[in-house]
Amino acid sequence: MKVAVYGALAVAGLALGFAAPQGFGIGGAPTINWTKPTEQHAFLGTLEGLWEVDALLHISPGQPPMKLSGSETVRLSCNGLWAQVELELGDKQLGYSARDMLGFDPQFARYNGVHVDVGSMTAAKYEGKLSTDGKTLALTGEGPDPRYKDRIAKLEQVWTFPKKGERTAKFEFLNDEGGKVPWLELTYKFKKKVK
């Protein structure tokens, strides 16, 4: 009877995308080796907290960017594997809201993430590497181009960490000629820790 139950649990776990049980623990219960944070995940901990944000939002080419301010809250989730990012800029009438999940994939030795915002129902995906000095995170990917309806474009993000408690982020799209089109520039100042 126990074998049938544990076999059913293993099949159910595989169907849900979980790792198969790696053995049997106390009392014969199956054990699973979940992904554990690596030293690269420690970088995500440096992002955790409440940040004050000043932003330049480039809406139309040739026009001055819109100035917005707001906050970003970063919390670690899933046992420290993911940074859960909540960005809020502007006000209710003219605001920009976005959510990101940023993690590190040891199998491919790269940071990766997903971004959603108020501009589209399509998620952007990105990946990249942290510089050896830990001061620059360069990410590339694809996502909805806010300048055109129903268009996916290549995008680049560069995050910099000049000193403790300060960081910047620059988001650009690549046009058809390979040139960079600015979208969002953010400047952060650390305010406080969050639970």
N, C-alpha and C. Protein backbone atom coordinates (compact mmCIF):
# COMPACT_ATOMS: atom_id res chain seq x y z
N MET A 1 0.83 -1.20 0.00
CA MET A 1 0.00 0.00 0.00
C MET A 1 0.87 1.26 0.00
N LYS A 2 1.92 1.26 0.89
CA LYS A 2 2.81 2.43 0.96
C LYS A 2 3.50 2.68 -0.37
N VAL A 3 3.95 1.62 -1.02
CA VAL A 3 4.64 1.75 -2.29
C VAL A 3 3.73 2.39 -3.32
N ALA A 4 2.47 1.98 -3.38
CA ALA A 4 1.52 2.55 -4.33
C ALA A 4 1.29 4.02 -4.06
N VAL A 5 1.18 4.42 -2.79
CA VAL A 5 0.96 5.82 -2.43
C VAL A 5 2.17 6.66 -2.82
N TYR A 6 3.39 6.18 -2.47
CA TYR A 6 4.61 6.94 -2.80
C TYR A 6 4.81 7.00 -4.31
N GLY A 7 4.46 5.93 -5.01
CA GLY A 7 4.56 5.96 -6.47
C GLY A 7 3.61 6.99 -7.06
N ALA A 8 2.39 7.06 -6.50
CA ALA A 8 1.42 8.05 -6.97
C ALA A 8 1.91 9.46 -6.69
N LEU A 9 2.54 9.67 -5.53
CA LEU A 9 3.10 11.00 -5.22
C LEU A 9 4.19 11.38 -6.20
N ALA A 10 5.04 10.42 -6.55
CA ALA A 10 6.13 10.69 -7.49
C ALA A 10 5.57 11.08 -8.85
N VAL A 11 4.57 10.34 -9.34
CA VAL A 11 3.95 10.65 -10.63
C VAL A 11 3.29 12.02 -10.59
N ALA A 12 2.57 12.32 -9.48
CA ALA A 12 1.91 13.61 -9.35
C ALA A 12 2.94 14.73 -9.34
N GLY A 13 4.06 14.52 -8.64
CA GLY A 13 5.11 15.54 -8.60
C GLY A 13 5.69 15.81 -9.96
N LEU A 14 5.94 14.76 -10.73
CA LEU A 14 6.46 14.93 -12.09
C LEU A 14 5.46 15.64 -12.98
N ALA A 15 4.19 15.32 -12.83
CA ALA A 15 3.15 15.96 -13.63
C ALA A 15 3.08 17.45 -13.33
N LEU A 16 3.36 17.82 -12.09
CA LEU A 16 3.32 19.24 -11.72
C LEU A 16 4.64 19.94 -11.97
N GLY A 17 5.62 19.24 -12.48
CA GLY A 17 6.89 19.85 -12.79
C GLY A 17 7.88 19.83 -11.64
N PHE A 18 7.59 19.08 -10.57
CA PHE A 18 8.51 18.99 -9.45
C PHE A 18 9.56 17.93 -9.73
N ALA A 19 10.64 18.00 -8.98
CA ALA A 19 11.65 16.96 -9.07
C ALA A 19 11.07 15.68 -8.44
N ALA A 20 11.52 14.55 -8.93
CA ALA A 20 11.07 13.29 -8.35
C ALA A 20 11.66 13.14 -6.96
N PRO A 21 10.97 12.42 -6.07
CA PRO A 21 11.53 12.20 -4.74
C PRO A 21 12.93 11.61 -4.84
N GLN A 22 13.81 12.10 -3.97
CA GLN A 22 15.21 11.70 -4.01
C GLN A 22 15.51 10.59 -3.01
N GLY A 23 14.54 10.17 -2.25
CA GLY A 23 14.77 9.12 -1.25
C GLY A 23 13.63 9.13 -0.27
N PHE A 24 13.85 8.47 0.82
CA PHE A 24 12.82 8.41 1.84
C PHE A 24 13.38 8.94 3.15
N GLY A 25 12.62 9.83 3.79
CA GLY A 25 13.07 10.47 5.03
C GLY A 25 12.49 9.76 6.24
N ILE A 26 12.33 10.51 7.30
CA ILE A 26 11.83 9.97 8.56
C ILE A 26 10.44 9.37 8.34
N GLY A 27 10.26 8.16 8.86
CA GLY A 27 8.96 7.51 8.76
C GLY A 27 8.64 7.03 7.36
N GLY A 28 9.62 7.01 6.45
CA GLY A 28 9.39 6.53 5.11
C GLY A 28 8.77 7.55 4.17
N ALA A 29 8.62 8.84 4.63
CA ALA A 29 8.05 9.87 3.76
C ALA A 29 9.07 10.24 2.68
N PRO A 30 8.61 10.52 1.45
CA PRO A 30 9.55 10.90 0.39
C PRO A 30 10.18 12.25 0.68
N THR A 31 11.42 12.41 0.26
CA THR A 31 12.12 13.69 0.39
C THR A 31 12.41 14.24 -1.00
N ILE A 32 12.45 15.55 -1.11
CA ILE A 32 12.73 16.20 -2.40
C ILE A 32 13.87 17.19 -2.19
N ASN A 33 14.82 17.16 -3.09
CA ASN A 33 15.92 18.11 -3.04
C ASN A 33 15.55 19.35 -3.86
N TRP A 34 14.94 20.33 -3.20
CA TRP A 34 14.59 21.57 -3.89
C TRP A 34 15.86 22.35 -4.23
N THR A 35 15.75 23.26 -5.19
CA THR A 35 16.88 24.10 -5.54
C THR A 35 17.29 24.92 -4.34
N LYS A 36 18.59 25.00 -4.12
CA LYS A 36 19.10 25.77 -2.99
C LYS A 36 19.82 27.02 -3.51
N PRO A 37 19.73 28.13 -2.76
CA PRO A 37 20.42 29.35 -3.18
C PRO A 37 21.93 29.13 -3.29
N THR A 38 22.53 29.77 -4.27
CA THR A 38 23.98 29.73 -4.48
C THR A 38 24.57 31.06 -4.04
N GLU A 39 25.88 31.19 -4.16
CA GLU A 39 26.50 32.46 -3.80
C GLU A 39 26.02 33.59 -4.72
N GLN A 40 25.64 33.26 -5.95
CA GLN A 40 25.12 34.29 -6.86
C GLN A 40 23.76 34.82 -6.40
N HIS A 41 23.00 34.00 -5.70
CA HIS A 41 21.72 34.47 -5.19
C HIS A 41 21.90 35.51 -4.10
N ALA A 42 23.08 35.55 -3.47
CA ALA A 42 23.34 36.55 -2.42
C ALA A 42 23.22 37.96 -2.99
N PHE A 43 23.52 38.11 -4.28
CA PHE A 43 23.38 39.42 -4.93
C PHE A 43 21.93 39.91 -4.85
N LEU A 44 20.98 39.00 -4.98
CA LEU A 44 19.57 39.39 -4.91
C LEU A 44 19.23 40.01 -3.56
N GLY A 45 19.91 39.56 -2.52
CA GLY A 45 19.68 40.11 -1.19
C GLY A 45 20.08 41.58 -1.08
N THR A 46 21.02 42.02 -1.93
CA THR A 46 21.43 43.43 -1.89
C THR A 46 20.35 44.35 -2.46
N LEU A 47 19.40 43.77 -3.19
CA LEU A 47 18.30 44.56 -3.77
C LEU A 47 17.13 44.70 -2.81
N GLU A 48 17.10 43.86 -1.79
CA GLU A 48 15.93 43.80 -0.91
C GLU A 48 15.77 45.10 -0.12
N GLY A 49 14.51 45.58 -0.06
CA GLY A 49 14.20 46.78 0.71
C GLY A 49 13.26 47.71 -0.02
N LEU A 50 13.00 48.84 0.59
CA LEU A 50 12.19 49.90 -0.01
C LEU A 50 13.13 50.95 -0.57
N TRP A 51 12.94 51.29 -1.84
CA TRP A 51 13.79 52.24 -2.54
C TRP A 51 12.97 53.43 -3.02
N GLU A 52 13.52 54.61 -2.89
CA GLU A 52 12.93 55.83 -3.47
C GLU A 52 13.42 55.92 -4.92
N VAL A 53 12.51 56.22 -5.86
CA VAL A 53 12.86 56.16 -7.27
C VAL A 53 12.52 57.47 -7.98
N ASP A 54 13.46 57.98 -8.77
CA ASP A 54 13.22 59.07 -9.72
C ASP A 54 13.37 58.48 -11.11
N ALA A 55 12.46 58.84 -12.02
CA ALA A 55 12.45 58.19 -13.33
C ALA A 55 12.28 59.19 -14.46
N LEU A 56 12.85 58.84 -15.60
CA LEU A 56 12.61 59.53 -16.86
C LEU A 56 11.97 58.52 -17.79
N LEU A 57 10.74 58.80 -18.24
CA LEU A 57 10.00 57.90 -19.12
C LEU A 57 9.94 58.54 -20.51
N HIS A 58 10.56 57.87 -21.48
CA HIS A 58 10.61 58.39 -22.86
C HIS A 58 9.39 57.86 -23.61
N ILE A 59 8.40 58.72 -23.79
CA ILE A 59 7.16 58.30 -24.44
C ILE A 59 7.25 58.44 -25.95
N SER A 60 7.65 59.63 -26.43
CA SER A 60 7.68 59.89 -27.87
C SER A 60 9.09 60.33 -28.30
N PRO A 61 9.60 59.74 -29.39
CA PRO A 61 10.91 60.14 -29.88
C PRO A 61 10.93 61.64 -30.20
N GLY A 62 12.00 62.31 -29.84
CA GLY A 62 12.15 63.73 -30.12
C GLY A 62 11.49 64.63 -29.09
N GLN A 63 10.74 64.06 -28.17
CA GLN A 63 10.07 64.83 -27.12
C GLN A 63 10.83 64.64 -25.80
N PRO A 64 10.79 65.68 -24.92
CA PRO A 64 11.46 65.50 -23.63
C PRO A 64 10.81 64.37 -22.83
N PRO A 65 11.61 63.64 -22.05
CA PRO A 65 11.03 62.54 -21.28
C PRO A 65 10.14 63.06 -20.15
N MET A 66 9.20 62.23 -19.75
CA MET A 66 8.32 62.55 -18.64
C MET A 66 9.06 62.23 -17.33
N LYS A 67 9.00 63.13 -16.37
CA LYS A 67 9.62 62.91 -15.07
C LYS A 67 8.58 62.35 -14.11
N LEU A 68 8.94 61.24 -13.48
CA LEU A 68 8.07 60.59 -12.51
C LEU A 68 8.88 60.24 -11.27
N SER A 69 8.21 60.11 -10.17
CA SER A 69 8.87 59.64 -8.96
C SER A 69 7.96 58.62 -8.28
N GLY A 70 8.55 57.83 -7.42
CA GLY A 70 7.76 56.81 -6.75
C GLY A 70 8.63 55.93 -5.89
N SER A 71 8.28 54.65 -5.84
CA SER A 71 9.02 53.73 -4.98
C SER A 71 9.08 52.35 -5.61
N GLU A 72 10.06 51.60 -5.13
CA GLU A 72 10.18 50.20 -5.53
C GLU A 72 10.44 49.38 -4.27
N THR A 73 9.69 48.28 -4.14
CA THR A 73 9.87 47.38 -3.01
C THR A 73 10.37 46.05 -3.55
N VAL A 74 11.46 45.57 -2.97
CA VAL A 74 12.03 44.28 -3.38
C VAL A 74 12.05 43.35 -2.17
N ARG A 75 11.48 42.16 -2.36
CA ARG A 75 11.48 41.14 -1.32
C ARG A 75 12.01 39.84 -1.92
N LEU A 76 12.78 39.09 -1.14
CA LEU A 76 13.20 37.77 -1.58
C LEU A 76 12.07 36.79 -1.35
N SER A 77 11.88 35.88 -2.30
CA SER A 77 10.85 34.86 -2.17
C SER A 77 11.41 33.50 -2.59
N CYS A 78 10.62 32.46 -2.36
CA CYS A 78 11.00 31.10 -2.74
C CYS A 78 12.36 30.72 -2.17
N ASN A 79 12.50 30.90 -0.86
CA ASN A 79 13.72 30.50 -0.15
C ASN A 79 14.96 31.25 -0.65
N GLY A 80 14.78 32.52 -1.06
CA GLY A 80 15.92 33.33 -1.50
C GLY A 80 16.33 33.13 -2.94
N LEU A 81 15.55 32.38 -3.71
CA LEU A 81 15.89 32.12 -5.11
C LEU A 81 15.46 33.25 -6.04
N TRP A 82 14.45 34.02 -5.65
CA TRP A 82 13.90 35.06 -6.53
C TRP A 82 13.75 36.38 -5.78
N ALA A 83 14.05 37.47 -6.49
CA ALA A 83 13.76 38.81 -6.00
C ALA A 83 12.43 39.23 -6.62
N GLN A 84 11.46 39.53 -5.79
CA GLN A 84 10.13 39.94 -6.24
C GLN A 84 10.10 41.47 -6.18
N VAL A 85 9.96 42.10 -7.34
CA VAL A 85 10.10 43.55 -7.47
C VAL A 85 8.75 44.20 -7.78
N GLU A 86 8.40 45.24 -7.00
CA GLU A 86 7.16 45.98 -7.22
C GLU A 86 7.51 47.45 -7.41
N LEU A 87 7.32 47.96 -8.62
CA LEU A 87 7.63 49.35 -8.95
C LEU A 87 6.35 50.15 -9.15
N GLU A 88 6.27 51.30 -8.49
CA GLU A 88 5.11 52.20 -8.63
C GLU A 88 5.63 53.61 -8.86
N LEU A 89 5.27 54.20 -9.99
CA LEU A 89 5.70 55.56 -10.34
C LEU A 89 4.50 56.43 -10.63
N GLY A 90 4.62 57.72 -10.33
CA GLY A 90 3.55 58.67 -10.65
C GLY A 90 2.38 58.56 -9.71
N ASP A 91 1.20 58.94 -10.21
CA ASP A 91 -0.01 58.91 -9.40
C ASP A 91 -1.06 58.03 -10.08
N LYS A 92 -2.26 57.98 -9.52
CA LYS A 92 -3.31 57.12 -10.07
C LYS A 92 -3.72 57.53 -11.47
N GLN A 93 -3.69 58.84 -11.75
CA GLN A 93 -4.11 59.32 -13.06
C GLN A 93 -3.05 59.07 -14.12
N LEU A 94 -1.80 59.31 -13.77
CA LEU A 94 -0.71 59.20 -14.76
C LEU A 94 0.41 58.39 -14.13
N GLY A 95 0.14 57.13 -13.87
CA GLY A 95 1.12 56.31 -13.18
C GLY A 95 1.61 55.14 -14.00
N TYR A 96 2.77 54.65 -13.61
CA TYR A 96 3.36 53.47 -14.24
C TYR A 96 3.58 52.44 -13.14
N SER A 97 3.11 51.24 -13.38
CA SER A 97 3.22 50.16 -12.41
C SER A 97 3.82 48.94 -13.09
N ALA A 98 4.79 48.29 -12.43
CA ALA A 98 5.44 47.12 -13.02
C ALA A 98 5.81 46.12 -11.94
N ARG A 99 5.92 44.86 -12.34
CA ARG A 99 6.34 43.78 -11.46
C ARG A 99 7.39 42.93 -12.18
N ASP A 100 8.41 42.53 -11.42
CA ASP A 100 9.46 41.68 -11.96
C ASP A 100 9.74 40.54 -11.00
N MET A 101 10.20 39.42 -11.55
CA MET A 101 10.78 38.33 -10.77
C MET A 101 12.17 38.10 -11.36
N LEU A 102 13.19 38.27 -10.53
CA LEU A 102 14.57 38.12 -10.98
C LEU A 102 15.25 37.03 -10.16
N GLY A 103 15.88 36.08 -10.84
CA GLY A 103 16.57 35.00 -10.16
C GLY A 103 17.87 34.66 -10.85
N PHE A 104 18.54 33.64 -10.34
CA PHE A 104 19.79 33.16 -10.95
C PHE A 104 19.64 31.68 -11.23
N ASP A 105 19.94 31.29 -12.48
CA ASP A 105 19.83 29.89 -12.90
C ASP A 105 21.22 29.27 -12.91
N PRO A 106 21.55 28.43 -11.92
CA PRO A 106 22.89 27.84 -11.87
C PRO A 106 23.19 26.93 -13.05
N GLN A 107 22.16 26.31 -13.62
CA GLN A 107 22.38 25.39 -14.74
C GLN A 107 22.99 26.11 -15.94
N PHE A 108 22.53 27.35 -16.18
CA PHE A 108 23.03 28.11 -17.33
C PHE A 108 23.94 29.26 -16.92
N ALA A 109 24.22 29.39 -15.62
CA ALA A 109 25.11 30.42 -15.07
C ALA A 109 24.72 31.82 -15.54
N ARG A 110 23.43 32.15 -15.35
CA ARG A 110 22.97 33.48 -15.75
C ARG A 110 21.77 33.90 -14.90
N TYR A 111 21.64 35.20 -14.76
CA TYR A 111 20.45 35.76 -14.12
C TYR A 111 19.34 35.77 -15.16
N ASN A 112 18.12 35.56 -14.71
CA ASN A 112 16.99 35.61 -15.64
C ASN A 112 15.76 36.13 -14.93
N GLY A 113 14.81 36.60 -15.71
CA GLY A 113 13.62 37.14 -15.09
C GLY A 113 12.50 37.36 -16.06
N VAL A 114 11.40 37.84 -15.49
CA VAL A 114 10.21 38.16 -16.26
C VAL A 114 9.67 39.50 -15.77
N HIS A 115 9.12 40.29 -16.69
CA HIS A 115 8.62 41.62 -16.38
C HIS A 115 7.22 41.78 -16.94
N VAL A 116 6.32 42.32 -16.11
CA VAL A 116 4.98 42.69 -16.58
C VAL A 116 4.70 44.12 -16.11
N ASP A 117 3.89 44.85 -16.89
CA ASP A 117 3.56 46.22 -16.49
C ASP A 117 2.19 46.62 -17.03
N VAL A 118 1.81 47.87 -16.79
CA VAL A 118 0.49 48.36 -17.19
C VAL A 118 0.36 48.56 -18.69
N GLY A 119 1.45 48.46 -19.43
CA GLY A 119 1.42 48.75 -20.86
C GLY A 119 0.98 47.62 -21.75
N SER A 120 0.99 46.38 -21.24
CA SER A 120 0.69 45.25 -22.12
C SER A 120 0.27 44.03 -21.31
N MET A 121 -0.43 43.12 -21.96
CA MET A 121 -0.79 41.84 -21.35
C MET A 121 0.22 40.76 -21.73
N THR A 122 1.32 41.15 -22.35
CA THR A 122 2.38 40.21 -22.72
C THR A 122 3.58 40.43 -21.81
N ALA A 123 4.12 39.36 -21.26
CA ALA A 123 5.27 39.46 -20.37
C ALA A 123 6.57 39.57 -21.18
N ALA A 124 7.51 40.34 -20.66
CA ALA A 124 8.85 40.40 -21.23
C ALA A 124 9.73 39.42 -20.47
N LYS A 125 10.65 38.77 -21.17
CA LYS A 125 11.59 37.85 -20.55
C LYS A 125 13.00 38.33 -20.85
N TYR A 126 13.89 38.14 -19.86
CA TYR A 126 15.26 38.61 -20.05
C TYR A 126 16.25 37.73 -19.30
N GLU A 127 17.52 37.86 -19.68
CA GLU A 127 18.59 37.10 -19.03
C GLU A 127 19.91 37.86 -19.21
N GLY A 128 20.87 37.56 -18.34
CA GLY A 128 22.15 38.22 -18.47
C GLY A 128 23.11 37.87 -17.36
N LYS A 129 24.18 38.66 -17.25
CA LYS A 129 25.24 38.36 -16.30
C LYS A 129 25.61 39.58 -15.48
N LEU A 130 26.09 39.31 -14.28
CA LEU A 130 26.62 40.33 -13.38
C LEU A 130 28.11 40.43 -13.64
N SER A 131 28.63 41.67 -13.71
CA SER A 131 30.05 41.86 -13.94
C SER A 131 30.85 41.28 -12.77
N THR A 132 32.11 40.97 -13.01
CA THR A 132 32.94 40.35 -11.98
C THR A 132 33.12 41.25 -10.76
N ASP A 133 33.05 42.58 -10.95
CA ASP A 133 33.18 43.48 -9.80
C ASP A 133 31.84 43.72 -9.10
N GLY A 134 30.74 43.13 -9.64
CA GLY A 134 29.44 43.26 -9.02
C GLY A 134 28.79 44.61 -9.17
N LYS A 135 29.29 45.45 -10.08
CA LYS A 135 28.76 46.80 -10.21
C LYS A 135 27.83 47.00 -11.41
N THR A 136 27.73 46.00 -12.29
CA THR A 136 26.87 46.12 -13.47
C THR A 136 26.17 44.80 -13.76
N LEU A 137 24.86 44.86 -13.93
CA LEU A 137 24.07 43.71 -14.35
C LEU A 137 23.51 44.04 -15.72
N ALA A 138 23.96 43.33 -16.76
CA ALA A 138 23.51 43.58 -18.13
C ALA A 138 22.57 42.46 -18.55
N LEU A 139 21.36 42.84 -18.96
CA LEU A 139 20.32 41.88 -19.32
C LEU A 139 19.81 42.17 -20.73
N THR A 140 19.50 41.12 -21.47
CA THR A 140 18.88 41.27 -22.79
C THR A 140 17.68 40.34 -22.87
N GLY A 141 16.75 40.67 -23.76
CA GLY A 141 15.58 39.83 -23.91
C GLY A 141 14.63 40.36 -24.95
N GLU A 142 13.37 39.97 -24.83
CA GLU A 142 12.32 40.41 -25.74
C GLU A 142 11.07 40.72 -24.94
N GLY A 143 10.33 41.72 -25.42
CA GLY A 143 9.09 42.08 -24.76
C GLY A 143 8.27 43.01 -25.62
N PRO A 144 7.06 43.34 -25.16
CA PRO A 144 6.19 44.23 -25.92
C PRO A 144 6.81 45.62 -26.02
N ASP A 145 6.79 46.17 -27.21
CA ASP A 145 7.30 47.52 -27.45
C ASP A 145 6.17 48.50 -27.16
N PRO A 146 6.30 49.36 -26.14
CA PRO A 146 5.20 50.26 -25.76
C PRO A 146 4.86 51.30 -26.81
N ARG A 147 5.74 51.48 -27.80
CA ARG A 147 5.48 52.48 -28.84
C ARG A 147 4.56 51.98 -29.93
N TYR A 148 4.41 50.66 -30.04
CA TYR A 148 3.60 50.07 -31.10
C TYR A 148 2.69 49.00 -30.50
N LYS A 149 1.47 48.95 -30.96
CA LYS A 149 0.54 47.93 -30.47
C LYS A 149 0.88 46.57 -31.07
N ASP A 150 0.86 45.54 -30.23
CA ASP A 150 1.07 44.16 -30.67
C ASP A 150 2.41 43.93 -31.36
N ARG A 151 3.46 44.61 -30.90
CA ARG A 151 4.78 44.40 -31.49
C ARG A 151 5.76 43.96 -30.40
N ILE A 152 6.50 42.90 -30.68
CA ILE A 152 7.54 42.42 -29.78
C ILE A 152 8.88 42.94 -30.28
N ALA A 153 9.69 43.45 -29.35
CA ALA A 153 10.98 44.00 -29.73
C ALA A 153 12.07 43.46 -28.81
N LYS A 154 13.30 43.50 -29.29
CA LYS A 154 14.44 43.15 -28.45
C LYS A 154 14.67 44.29 -27.47
N LEU A 155 15.07 43.95 -26.26
CA LEU A 155 15.28 44.98 -25.26
C LEU A 155 16.58 44.73 -24.50
N GLU A 156 17.11 45.81 -23.95
CA GLU A 156 18.31 45.73 -23.13
C GLU A 156 18.06 46.47 -21.82
N GLN A 157 18.57 45.93 -20.74
CA GLN A 157 18.54 46.58 -19.43
C GLN A 157 19.96 46.59 -18.89
N VAL A 158 20.36 47.72 -18.34
CA VAL A 158 21.66 47.79 -17.67
C VAL A 158 21.43 48.39 -16.29
N TRP A 159 21.75 47.62 -15.26
CA TRP A 159 21.65 48.08 -13.88
C TRP A 159 23.06 48.37 -13.40
N THR A 160 23.25 49.48 -12.70
CA THR A 160 24.56 49.80 -12.13
C THR A 160 24.41 50.00 -10.63
N PHE A 161 25.49 49.73 -9.93
CA PHE A 161 25.52 49.81 -8.47
C PHE A 161 26.77 50.60 -8.06
N PRO A 162 26.70 51.93 -8.18
CA PRO A 162 27.89 52.75 -7.93
C PRO A 162 28.39 52.67 -6.49
N LYS A 163 27.48 52.64 -5.53
CA LYS A 163 27.87 52.48 -4.13
C LYS A 163 26.68 51.97 -3.34
N LYS A 164 26.95 51.52 -2.12
CA LYS A 164 25.91 50.93 -1.28
C LYS A 164 24.78 51.94 -1.08
N GLY A 165 23.54 51.47 -1.25
CA GLY A 165 22.37 52.31 -1.06
C GLY A 165 21.97 53.12 -2.28
N GLU A 166 22.69 52.94 -3.39
CA GLU A 166 22.36 53.64 -4.64
C GLU A 166 22.47 52.67 -5.81
N ARG A 167 21.57 52.83 -6.77
CA ARG A 167 21.64 52.06 -8.01
C ARG A 167 20.90 52.78 -9.11
N THR A 168 21.14 52.38 -10.34
CA THR A 168 20.44 52.93 -11.50
C THR A 168 20.00 51.78 -12.40
N ALA A 169 19.05 52.06 -13.26
CA ALA A 169 18.62 51.09 -14.28
C ALA A 169 18.25 51.86 -15.54
N LYS A 170 18.65 51.32 -16.67
CA LYS A 170 18.34 51.94 -17.96
C LYS A 170 17.75 50.87 -18.87
N PHE A 171 16.56 51.15 -19.42
CA PHE A 171 15.85 50.22 -20.30
C PHE A 171 15.80 50.82 -21.70
N GLU A 172 16.22 50.03 -22.69
CA GLU A 172 16.20 50.49 -24.08
C GLU A 172 15.66 49.38 -24.98
N PHE A 173 15.00 49.80 -26.07
CA PHE A 173 14.57 48.87 -27.10
C PHE A 173 15.50 49.01 -28.29
N LEU A 174 15.65 47.95 -29.05
CA LEU A 174 16.44 48.00 -30.28
C LEU A 174 15.49 48.20 -31.45
N ASN A 175 15.81 49.17 -32.31
CA ASN A 175 14.96 49.38 -33.48
C ASN A 175 15.37 48.43 -34.60
N ASP A 176 14.69 48.52 -35.73
CA ASP A 176 14.94 47.59 -36.84
C ASP A 176 16.35 47.71 -37.40
N GLU A 177 16.98 48.86 -37.21
CA GLU A 177 18.34 49.07 -37.71
C GLU A 177 19.39 48.67 -36.68
N GLY A 178 18.96 48.21 -35.51
CA GLY A 178 19.90 47.82 -34.47
C GLY A 178 20.27 48.94 -33.52
N GLY A 179 19.69 50.13 -33.74
CA GLY A 179 19.97 51.25 -32.84
C GLY A 179 19.16 51.14 -31.55
N LYS A 180 19.62 51.84 -30.54
CA LYS A 180 18.94 51.79 -29.24
C LYS A 180 17.98 52.96 -29.08
N VAL A 181 16.78 52.64 -28.60
CA VAL A 181 15.74 53.64 -28.36
C VAL A 181 15.47 53.67 -26.86
N PRO A 182 15.76 54.80 -26.18
CA PRO A 182 15.55 54.84 -24.74
C PRO A 182 14.08 54.70 -24.36
N TRP A 183 13.83 54.05 -23.22
CA TRP A 183 12.46 53.89 -22.74
C TRP A 183 12.33 54.40 -21.31
N LEU A 184 13.13 53.85 -20.40
CA LEU A 184 12.98 54.20 -18.99
C LEU A 184 14.36 54.29 -18.33
N GLU A 185 14.57 55.36 -17.59
CA GLU A 185 15.80 55.53 -16.82
C GLU A 185 15.42 55.75 -15.36
N LEU A 186 15.99 54.95 -14.48
CA LEU A 186 15.63 54.98 -13.06
C LEU A 186 16.87 55.24 -12.19
N THR A 187 16.67 56.07 -11.17
CA THR A 187 17.70 56.31 -10.16
C THR A 187 17.11 55.96 -8.81
N TYR A 188 17.81 55.12 -8.05
CA TYR A 188 17.29 54.59 -6.79
C TYR A 188 18.12 55.06 -5.60
N LYS A 189 17.43 55.31 -4.48
CA LYS A 189 18.09 55.53 -3.20
C LYS A 189 17.41 54.65 -2.17
N PHE A 190 18.21 53.93 -1.41
CA PHE A 190 17.67 53.01 -0.41
C PHE A 190 17.02 53.79 0.73
N LYS A 191 15.81 53.35 1.13
CA LYS A 191 15.09 54.01 2.23
C LYS A 191 15.11 53.17 3.51
N LYS A 192 14.67 51.90 3.41
CA LYS A 192 14.62 51.07 4.61
C LYS A 192 14.44 49.61 4.25
N LYS A 193 14.69 48.75 5.22
CA LYS A 193 14.46 47.31 5.05
C LYS A 193 12.95 47.05 5.09
N VAL A 194 12.56 45.94 4.47
CA VAL A 194 11.15 45.53 4.48
C VAL A 194 11.05 44.11 4.99
N LYS A 195 9.86 43.75 5.47
CA LYS A 195 9.64 42.37 5.95
C LYS A 195 9.17 41.50 4.82
